[in-house]
Amino acid sequence: MARVKIYSTGTCPICDKAKMLLDKWNIAFDEMRVDLDRAGLKEMLEVTDNARTVPQSAIDNRWIGGFSELTELKMDGELDALMGG
């Protein structure tokens, strides 16, 4: 099973929405709060090629993108394939 990581902050409503959708889709994920963890912010910048907005998502350390990219992958049926399903 692929590992999903969401990079987020505590004040981002779109981050909350992305996490709610992953829960709805029964996709387990790890959350990295980049506003609380400097090492997590550094990791996000490395994984995402210096993305400056949240949420950002990665599957097995492969950068997927933000909320729009995540939902597009699901709608196109590609998210399930990336998850090994």
PDB file of N, CA and C in Angstrom:
ATOM      1  N   MET A   1       0.843  -1.186   0.000  1.00  0.00           N
ATOM      2  CA  MET A   1       0.000   0.000   0.000  1.00  0.00           C
ATOM      3  C   MET A   1       0.881   1.240   0.000  1.00  0.00           C
ATOM      4  N   ALA A   2       0.550   2.168  -0.845  1.00  0.00           N
ATOM      5  CA  ALA A   2       1.312   3.414  -0.951  1.00  0.00           C
ATOM      6  C   ALA A   2       1.130   4.261   0.299  1.00  0.00           C
ATOM      7  N   ARG A   3       2.124   5.066   0.593  1.00  0.00           N
ATOM      8  CA  ARG A   3       2.074   5.964   1.741  1.00  0.00           C
ATOM      9  C   ARG A   3       1.770   7.372   1.251  1.00  0.00           C
ATOM     10  N   VAL A   4       0.714   7.970   1.802  1.00  0.00           N
ATOM     11  CA  VAL A   4       0.310   9.325   1.443  1.00  0.00           C
ATOM     12  C   VAL A   4       0.711  10.265   2.569  1.00  0.00           C
ATOM     13  N   LYS A   5       1.268  11.396   2.189  1.00  0.00           N
ATOM     14  CA  LYS A   5       1.614  12.417   3.171  1.00  0.00           C
ATOM     15  C   LYS A   5       1.004  13.738   2.718  1.00  0.00           C
ATOM     16  N   ILE A   6       0.354  14.412   3.662  1.00  0.00           N
ATOM     17  CA  ILE A   6      -0.211  15.734   3.417  1.00  0.00           C
ATOM     18  C   ILE A   6       0.591  16.735   4.237  1.00  0.00           C
ATOM     19  N   TYR A   7       1.121  17.739   3.572  1.00  0.00           N
ATOM     20  CA  TYR A   7       1.800  18.848   4.234  1.00  0.00           C
ATOM     21  C   TYR A   7       0.759  19.943   4.419  1.00  0.00           C
ATOM     22  N   SER A   8       0.607  20.409   5.656  1.00  0.00           N
ATOM     23  CA  SER A   8      -0.479  21.345   5.957  1.00  0.00           C
ATOM     24  C   SER A   8      -0.066  22.329   7.039  1.00  0.00           C
ATOM     25  N   THR A   9      -0.991  23.249   7.324  1.00  0.00           N
ATOM     26  CA  THR A   9      -0.869  24.144   8.478  1.00  0.00           C
ATOM     27  C   THR A   9      -2.177  24.073   9.257  1.00  0.00           C
ATOM     28  N   GLY A  10      -2.148  24.589  10.466  1.00  0.00           N
ATOM     29  CA  GLY A  10      -3.328  24.545  11.316  1.00  0.00           C
ATOM     30  C   GLY A  10      -4.390  25.568  10.969  1.00  0.00           C
ATOM     31  N   THR A  11      -4.067  26.511  10.096  1.00  0.00           N
ATOM     32  CA  THR A  11      -5.017  27.577   9.772  1.00  0.00           C
ATOM     33  C   THR A  11      -5.494  27.518   8.324  1.00  0.00           C
ATOM     34  N   CYS A  12      -5.322  26.385   7.683  1.00  0.00           N
ATOM     35  CA  CYS A  12      -5.633  26.254   6.253  1.00  0.00           C
ATOM     36  C   CYS A  12      -6.920  25.455   6.050  1.00  0.00           C
ATOM     37  N   PRO A  13      -8.011  26.118   5.645  1.00  0.00           N
ATOM     38  CA  PRO A  13      -9.262  25.382   5.440  1.00  0.00           C
ATOM     39  C   PRO A  13      -9.202  24.401   4.273  1.00  0.00           C
ATOM     40  N   ILE A  14      -8.400  24.690   3.272  1.00  0.00           N
ATOM     41  CA  ILE A  14      -8.274  23.764   2.140  1.00  0.00           C
ATOM     42  C   ILE A  14      -7.517  22.515   2.570  1.00  0.00           C
ATOM     43  N   CYS A  15      -6.579  22.661   3.505  1.00  0.00           N
ATOM     44  CA  CYS A  15      -5.892  21.492   4.070  1.00  0.00           C
ATOM     45  C   CYS A  15      -6.909  20.587   4.755  1.00  0.00           C
ATOM     46  N   ASP A  16      -7.790  21.187   5.539  1.00  0.00           N
ATOM     47  CA  ASP A  16      -8.835  20.416   6.216  1.00  0.00           C
ATOM     48  C   ASP A  16      -9.719  19.698   5.205  1.00  0.00           C
ATOM     49  N   LYS A  17     -10.035  20.369   4.120  1.00  0.00           N
ATOM     50  CA  LYS A  17     -10.878  19.776   3.086  1.00  0.00           C
ATOM     51  C   LYS A  17     -10.174  18.594   2.413  1.00  0.00           C
ATOM     52  N   ALA A  18      -8.882  18.734   2.136  1.00  0.00           N
ATOM     53  CA  ALA A  18      -8.119  17.641   1.526  1.00  0.00           C
ATOM     54  C   ALA A  18      -8.088  16.426   2.451  1.00  0.00           C
ATOM     55  N   LYS A  19      -7.873  16.656   3.734  1.00  0.00           N
ATOM     56  CA  LYS A  19      -7.843  15.550   4.702  1.00  0.00           C
ATOM     57  C   LYS A  19      -9.215  14.897   4.822  1.00  0.00           C
ATOM     58  N   MET A  20     -10.278  15.689   4.782  1.00  0.00           N
ATOM     59  CA  MET A  20     -11.637  15.134   4.839  1.00  0.00           C
ATOM     60  C   MET A  20     -11.922  14.249   3.627  1.00  0.00           C
ATOM     61  N   LEU A  21     -11.462  14.688   2.448  1.00  0.00           N
ATOM     62  CA  LEU A  21     -11.673  13.878   1.247  1.00  0.00           C
ATOM     63  C   LEU A  21     -10.901  12.572   1.317  1.00  0.00           C
ATOM     64  N   LEU A  22      -9.662  12.626   1.782  1.00  0.00           N
ATOM     65  CA  LEU A  22      -8.892  11.391   1.918  1.00  0.00           C
ATOM     66  C   LEU A  22      -9.580  10.434   2.878  1.00  0.00           C
ATOM     67  N   ASP A  23     -10.099  10.960   3.971  1.00  0.00           N
ATOM     68  CA  ASP A  23     -10.865  10.121   4.901  1.00  0.00           C
ATOM     69  C   ASP A  23     -12.085   9.531   4.208  1.00  0.00           C
ATOM     70  N   LYS A  24     -12.801  10.351   3.450  1.00  0.00           N
ATOM     71  CA  LYS A  24     -14.000   9.893   2.738  1.00  0.00           C
ATOM     72  C   LYS A  24     -13.658   8.793   1.736  1.00  0.00           C
ATOM     73  N   TRP A  25     -12.498   8.922   1.103  1.00  0.00           N
ATOM     74  CA  TRP A  25     -12.057   7.929   0.122  1.00  0.00           C
ATOM     75  C   TRP A  25     -11.377   6.736   0.780  1.00  0.00           C
ATOM     76  N   ASN A  26     -11.355   6.700   2.127  1.00  0.00           N
ATOM     77  CA  ASN A  26     -10.712   5.618   2.884  1.00  0.00           C
ATOM     78  C   ASN A  26      -9.232   5.451   2.535  1.00  0.00           C
ATOM     79  N   ILE A  27      -8.561   6.585   2.374  1.00  0.00           N
ATOM     80  CA  ILE A  27      -7.130   6.586   2.101  1.00  0.00           C
ATOM     81  C   ILE A  27      -6.417   7.084   3.351  1.00  0.00           C
ATOM     82  N   ALA A  28      -5.617   6.223   3.932  1.00  0.00           N
ATOM     83  CA  ALA A  28      -4.849   6.601   5.118  1.00  0.00           C
ATOM     84  C   ALA A  28      -3.742   7.564   4.708  1.00  0.00           C
ATOM     85  N   PHE A  29      -3.434   8.492   5.601  1.00  0.00           N
ATOM     86  CA  PHE A  29      -2.393   9.472   5.294  1.00  0.00           C
ATOM     87  C   PHE A  29      -1.695   9.905   6.569  1.00  0.00           C
ATOM     88  N   ASP A  30      -0.481  10.381   6.389  1.00  0.00           N
ATOM     89  CA  ASP A  30       0.265  11.016   7.459  1.00  0.00           C
ATOM     90  C   ASP A  30       0.215  12.513   7.210  1.00  0.00           C
ATOM     91  N   GLU A  31       0.053  13.274   8.274  1.00  0.00           N
ATOM     92  CA  GLU A  31       0.020  14.731   8.144  1.00  0.00           C
ATOM     93  C   GLU A  31       1.298  15.324   8.714  1.00  0.00           C
ATOM     94  N   MET A  32       1.886  16.233   7.964  1.00  0.00           N
ATOM     95  CA  MET A  32       3.053  16.969   8.422  1.00  0.00           C
ATOM     96  C   MET A  32       2.650  18.435   8.535  1.00  0.00           C
ATOM     97  N   ARG A  33       2.564  18.919   9.763  1.00  0.00           N
ATOM     98  CA  ARG A  33       2.208  20.317  10.016  1.00  0.00           C
ATOM     99  C   ARG A  33       3.458  21.173   9.854  1.00  0.00           C
ATOM    100  N   VAL A  34       3.591  21.814   8.716  1.00  0.00           N
ATOM    101  CA  VAL A  34       4.792  22.593   8.423  1.00  0.00           C
ATOM    102  C   VAL A  34       4.858  23.897   9.213  1.00  0.00           C
ATOM    103  N   ASP A  35       3.753  24.291   9.835  1.00  0.00           N
ATOM    104  CA  ASP A  35       3.776  25.483  10.684  1.00  0.00           C
ATOM    105  C   ASP A  35       4.315  25.172  12.076  1.00  0.00           C
ATOM    106  N   LEU A  36       4.408  23.900  12.425  1.00  0.00           N
ATOM    107  CA  LEU A  36       4.892  23.497  13.741  1.00  0.00           C
ATOM    108  C   LEU A  36       6.243  22.790  13.690  1.00  0.00           C
ATOM    109  N   ASP A  37       6.665  22.384  12.523  1.00  0.00           N
ATOM    110  CA  ASP A  37       7.841  21.530  12.403  1.00  0.00           C
ATOM    111  C   ASP A  37       8.760  22.046  11.294  1.00  0.00           C
ATOM    112  N   ARG A  38       9.870  22.670  11.681  1.00  0.00           N
ATOM    113  CA  ARG A  38      10.794  23.224  10.683  1.00  0.00           C
ATOM    114  C   ARG A  38      11.401  22.130   9.807  1.00  0.00           C
ATOM    115  N   ALA A  39      11.680  20.984  10.394  1.00  0.00           N
ATOM    116  CA  ALA A  39      12.205  19.869   9.603  1.00  0.00           C
ATOM    117  C   ALA A  39      11.157  19.409   8.587  1.00  0.00           C
ATOM    118  N   GLY A  40       9.892  19.444   8.986  1.00  0.00           N
ATOM    119  CA  GLY A  40       8.814  19.095   8.074  1.00  0.00           C
ATOM    120  C   GLY A  40       8.692  20.085   6.930  1.00  0.00           C
ATOM    121  N   LEU A  41       8.880  21.363   7.237  1.00  0.00           N
ATOM    122  CA  LEU A  41       8.855  22.388   6.184  1.00  0.00           C
ATOM    123  C   LEU A  41      10.001  22.159   5.213  1.00  0.00           C
ATOM    124  N   LYS A  42      11.174  21.868   5.738  1.00  0.00           N
ATOM    125  CA  LYS A  42      12.341  21.589   4.880  1.00  0.00           C
ATOM    126  C   LYS A  42      12.061  20.383   3.994  1.00  0.00           C
ATOM    127  N   GLU A  43      11.467  19.337   4.583  1.00  0.00           N
ATOM    128  CA  GLU A  43      11.118  18.142   3.810  1.00  0.00           C
ATOM    129  C   GLU A  43      10.132  18.486   2.704  1.00  0.00           C
ATOM    130  N   MET A  44       9.095  19.264   3.035  1.00  0.00           N
ATOM    131  CA  MET A  44       8.104  19.649   2.033  1.00  0.00           C
ATOM    132  C   MET A  44       8.763  20.397   0.883  1.00  0.00           C
ATOM    133  N   LEU A  45       9.633  21.328   1.203  1.00  0.00           N
ATOM    134  CA  LEU A  45      10.295  22.110   0.158  1.00  0.00           C
ATOM    135  C   LEU A  45      11.137  21.216  -0.751  1.00  0.00           C
ATOM    136  N   GLU A  46      11.785  20.208  -0.178  1.00  0.00           N
ATOM    137  CA  GLU A  46      12.587  19.285  -0.987  1.00  0.00           C
ATOM    138  C   GLU A  46      11.710  18.403  -1.862  1.00  0.00           C
ATOM    139  N   VAL A  47      10.651  17.830  -1.277  1.00  0.00           N
ATOM    140  CA  VAL A  47       9.772  16.908  -2.013  1.00  0.00           C
ATOM    141  C   VAL A  47       9.009  17.628  -3.118  1.00  0.00           C
ATOM    142  N   THR A  48       8.614  18.877  -2.853  1.00  0.00           N
ATOM    143  CA  THR A  48       7.725  19.590  -3.771  1.00  0.00           C
ATOM    144  C   THR A  48       8.441  20.576  -4.678  1.00  0.00           C
ATOM    145  N   ASP A  49       9.762  20.543  -4.701  1.00  0.00           N
ATOM    146  CA  ASP A  49      10.519  21.494  -5.516  1.00  0.00           C
ATOM    147  C   ASP A  49      10.183  22.932  -5.131  1.00  0.00           C
ATOM    148  N   ASN A  50      10.177  23.178  -3.814  1.00  0.00           N
ATOM    149  CA  ASN A  50      10.003  24.516  -3.225  1.00  0.00           C
ATOM    150  C   ASN A  50       8.595  25.094  -3.350  1.00  0.00           C
ATOM    151  N   ALA A  51       7.578  24.252  -3.280  1.00  0.00           N
ATOM    152  CA  ALA A  51       6.204  24.762  -3.261  1.00  0.00           C
ATOM    153  C   ALA A  51       6.014  25.659  -2.044  1.00  0.00           C
ATOM    154  N   ARG A  52       5.268  26.717  -2.188  1.00  0.00           N
ATOM    155  CA  ARG A  52       5.078  27.693  -1.116  1.00  0.00           C
ATOM    156  C   ARG A  52       3.664  27.731  -0.556  1.00  0.00           C
ATOM    157  N   THR A  53       2.805  26.857  -1.037  1.00  0.00           N
ATOM    158  CA  THR A  53       1.425  26.841  -0.555  1.00  0.00           C
ATOM    159  C   THR A  53       1.095  25.466   0.000  1.00  0.00           C
ATOM    160  N   VAL A  54       0.081  25.428   0.836  1.00  0.00           N
ATOM    161  CA  VAL A  54      -0.434  24.164   1.363  1.00  0.00           C
ATOM    162  C   VAL A  54      -1.922  24.094   1.055  1.00  0.00           C
ATOM    163  N   PRO A  55      -2.482  22.929   0.979  1.00  0.00           N
ATOM    164  CA  PRO A  55      -1.851  21.645   1.203  1.00  0.00           C
ATOM    165  C   PRO A  55      -0.996  21.225   0.009  1.00  0.00           C
ATOM    166  N   GLN A  56      -0.033  20.378   0.292  1.00  0.00           N
ATOM    167  CA  GLN A  56       0.736  19.678  -0.724  1.00  0.00           C
ATOM    168  C   GLN A  56       0.637  18.207  -0.369  1.00  0.00           C
ATOM    169  N   SER A  57       0.597  17.362  -1.372  1.00  0.00           N
ATOM    170  CA  SER A  57       0.475  15.933  -1.112  1.00  0.00           C
ATOM    171  C   SER A  57       1.542  15.165  -1.873  1.00  0.00           C
ATOM    172  N   ALA A  58       1.946  14.056  -1.280  1.00  0.00           N
ATOM    173  CA  ALA A  58       2.928  13.172  -1.895  1.00  0.00           C
ATOM    174  C   ALA A  58       2.497  11.736  -1.641  1.00  0.00           C
ATOM    175  N   ILE A  59       2.763  10.888  -2.611  1.00  0.00           N
ATOM    176  CA  ILE A  59       2.519   9.454  -2.473  1.00  0.00           C
ATOM    177  C   ILE A  59       3.854   8.765  -2.660  1.00  0.00           C
ATOM    178  N   ASP A  60       4.291   8.056  -1.631  1.00  0.00           N
ATOM    179  CA  ASP A  60       5.609   7.414  -1.634  1.00  0.00           C
ATOM    180  C   ASP A  60       6.702   8.410  -2.021  1.00  0.00           C
ATOM    181  N   ASN A  61       6.647   9.587  -1.426  1.00  0.00           N
ATOM    182  CA  ASN A  61       7.601  10.680  -1.657  1.00  0.00           C
ATOM    183  C   ASN A  61       7.602  11.203  -3.086  1.00  0.00           C
ATOM    184  N   ARG A  62       6.566  10.888  -3.846  1.00  0.00           N
ATOM    185  CA  ARG A  62       6.409  11.446  -5.189  1.00  0.00           C
ATOM    186  C   ARG A  62       5.388  12.574  -5.086  1.00  0.00           C
ATOM    187  N   TRP A  63       5.799  13.764  -5.412  1.00  0.00           N
ATOM    188  CA  TRP A  63       4.959  14.947  -5.291  1.00  0.00           C
ATOM    189  C   TRP A  63       3.763  14.842  -6.234  1.00  0.00           C
ATOM    190  N   ILE A  64       2.574  15.002  -5.661  1.00  0.00           N
ATOM    191  CA  ILE A  64       1.338  14.969  -6.430  1.00  0.00           C
ATOM    192  C   ILE A  64       0.880  16.385  -6.760  1.00  0.00           C
ATOM    193  N   GLY A  65       0.964  17.282  -5.778  1.00  0.00           N
ATOM    194  CA  GLY A  65       0.528  18.664  -5.965  1.00  0.00           C
ATOM    195  C   GLY A  65      -0.384  19.082  -4.831  1.00  0.00           C
ATOM    196  N   GLY A  66      -1.198  20.067  -5.104  1.00  0.00           N
ATOM    197  CA  GLY A  66      -2.109  20.601  -4.107  1.00  0.00           C
ATOM    198  C   GLY A  66      -3.478  19.950  -4.159  1.00  0.00           C
ATOM    199  N   PHE A  67      -4.443  20.646  -3.592  1.00  0.00           N
ATOM    200  CA  PHE A  67      -5.807  20.125  -3.491  1.00  0.00           C
ATOM    201  C   PHE A  67      -6.397  19.811  -4.872  1.00  0.00           C
ATOM    202  N   SER A  68      -6.241  20.723  -5.804  1.00  0.00           N
ATOM    203  CA  SER A  68      -6.824  20.520  -7.142  1.00  0.00           C
ATOM    204  C   SER A  68      -6.248  19.301  -7.830  1.00  0.00           C
ATOM    205  N   GLU A  69      -4.935  19.141  -7.749  1.00  0.00           N
ATOM    206  CA  GLU A  69      -4.303  17.997  -8.394  1.00  0.00           C
ATOM    207  C   GLU A  69      -4.741  16.684  -7.748  1.00  0.00           C
ATOM    208  N   LEU A  70      -4.870  16.691  -6.440  1.00  0.00           N
ATOM    209  CA  LEU A  70      -5.311  15.493  -5.720  1.00  0.00           C
ATOM    210  C   LEU A  70      -6.719  15.088  -6.151  1.00  0.00           C
ATOM    211  N   THR A  71      -7.635  16.050  -6.201  1.00  0.00           N
ATOM    212  CA  THR A  71      -9.013  15.723  -6.588  1.00  0.00           C
ATOM    213  C   THR A  71      -9.095  15.332  -8.063  1.00  0.00           C
ATOM    214  N   GLU A  72      -8.292  15.951  -8.916  1.00  0.00           N
ATOM    215  CA  GLU A  72      -8.290  15.574 -10.335  1.00  0.00           C
ATOM    216  C   GLU A  72      -7.812  14.135 -10.522  1.00  0.00           C
ATOM    217  N   LEU A  73      -6.769  13.755  -9.769  1.00  0.00           N
ATOM    218  CA  LEU A  73      -6.298  12.368  -9.848  1.00  0.00           C
ATOM    219  C   LEU A  73      -7.403  11.396  -9.474  1.00  0.00           C
ATOM    220  N   LYS A  74      -8.162  11.721  -8.445  1.00  0.00           N
ATOM    221  CA  LYS A  74      -9.258  10.853  -8.012  1.00  0.00           C
ATOM    222  C   LYS A  74     -10.346  10.779  -9.076  1.00  0.00           C
ATOM    223  N   MET A  75     -10.730  11.939  -9.605  1.00  0.00           N
ATOM    224  CA  MET A  75     -11.790  11.976 -10.615  1.00  0.00           C
ATOM    225  C   MET A  75     -11.380  11.249 -11.892  1.00  0.00           C
ATOM    226  N   ASP A  76     -10.101  11.276 -12.222  1.00  0.00           N
ATOM    227  CA  ASP A  76      -9.612  10.603 -13.430  1.00  0.00           C
ATOM    228  C   ASP A  76      -9.330   9.125 -13.208  1.00  0.00           C
ATOM    229  N   GLY A  77      -9.486   8.647 -11.974  1.00  0.00           N
ATOM    230  CA  GLY A  77      -9.232   7.251 -11.674  1.00  0.00           C
ATOM    231  C   GLY A  77      -7.764   6.907 -11.501  1.00  0.00           C
ATOM    232  N   GLU A  78      -6.899   7.904 -11.510  1.00  0.00           N
ATOM    233  CA  GLU A  78      -5.465   7.649 -11.414  1.00  0.00           C
ATOM    234  C   GLU A  78      -4.988   7.513  -9.972  1.00  0.00           C
ATOM    235  N   LEU A  79      -5.714   8.062  -9.033  1.00  0.00           N
ATOM    236  CA  LEU A  79      -5.296   7.990  -7.635  1.00  0.00           C
ATOM    237  C   LEU A  79      -5.312   6.545  -7.142  1.00  0.00           C
ATOM    238  N   ASP A  80      -6.343   5.810  -7.508  1.00  0.00           N
ATOM    239  CA  ASP A  80      -6.422   4.406  -7.097  1.00  0.00           C
ATOM    240  C   ASP A  80      -5.244   3.601  -7.652  1.00  0.00           C
ATOM    241  N   ALA A  81      -4.861   3.882  -8.881  1.00  0.00           N
ATOM    242  CA  ALA A  81      -3.713   3.177  -9.473  1.00  0.00           C
ATOM    243  C   ALA A  81      -2.422   3.515  -8.734  1.00  0.00           C
ATOM    244  N   LEU A  82      -2.246   4.783  -8.367  1.00  0.00           N
ATOM    245  CA  LEU A  82      -1.056   5.190  -7.617  1.00  0.00           C
ATOM    246  C   LEU A  82      -1.022   4.549  -6.236  1.00  0.00           C
ATOM    247  N   MET A  83      -2.212   4.294  -5.688  1.00  0.00           N
ATOM    248  CA  MET A  83      -2.310   3.691  -4.366  1.00  0.00           C
ATOM    249  C   MET A  83      -2.146   2.164  -4.420  1.00  0.00           C
ATOM    250  N   GLY A  84      -2.039   1.630  -5.624  1.00  0.00           N
ATOM    251  CA  GLY A  84      -1.870   0.187  -5.747  1.00  0.00           C
ATOM    252  C   GLY A  84      -3.180  -0.574  -5.750  1.00  0.00           C
ATOM    253  N   GLY A  85      -4.283   0.147  -6.024  1.00  0.00           N
ATOM    254  CA  GLY A  85      -5.586  -0.501  -5.974  1.00  0.00           C
ATOM    255  C   GLY A  85      -6.197  -0.766  -7.284  1.00  0.00           C
TER     256      GLY A  85
END
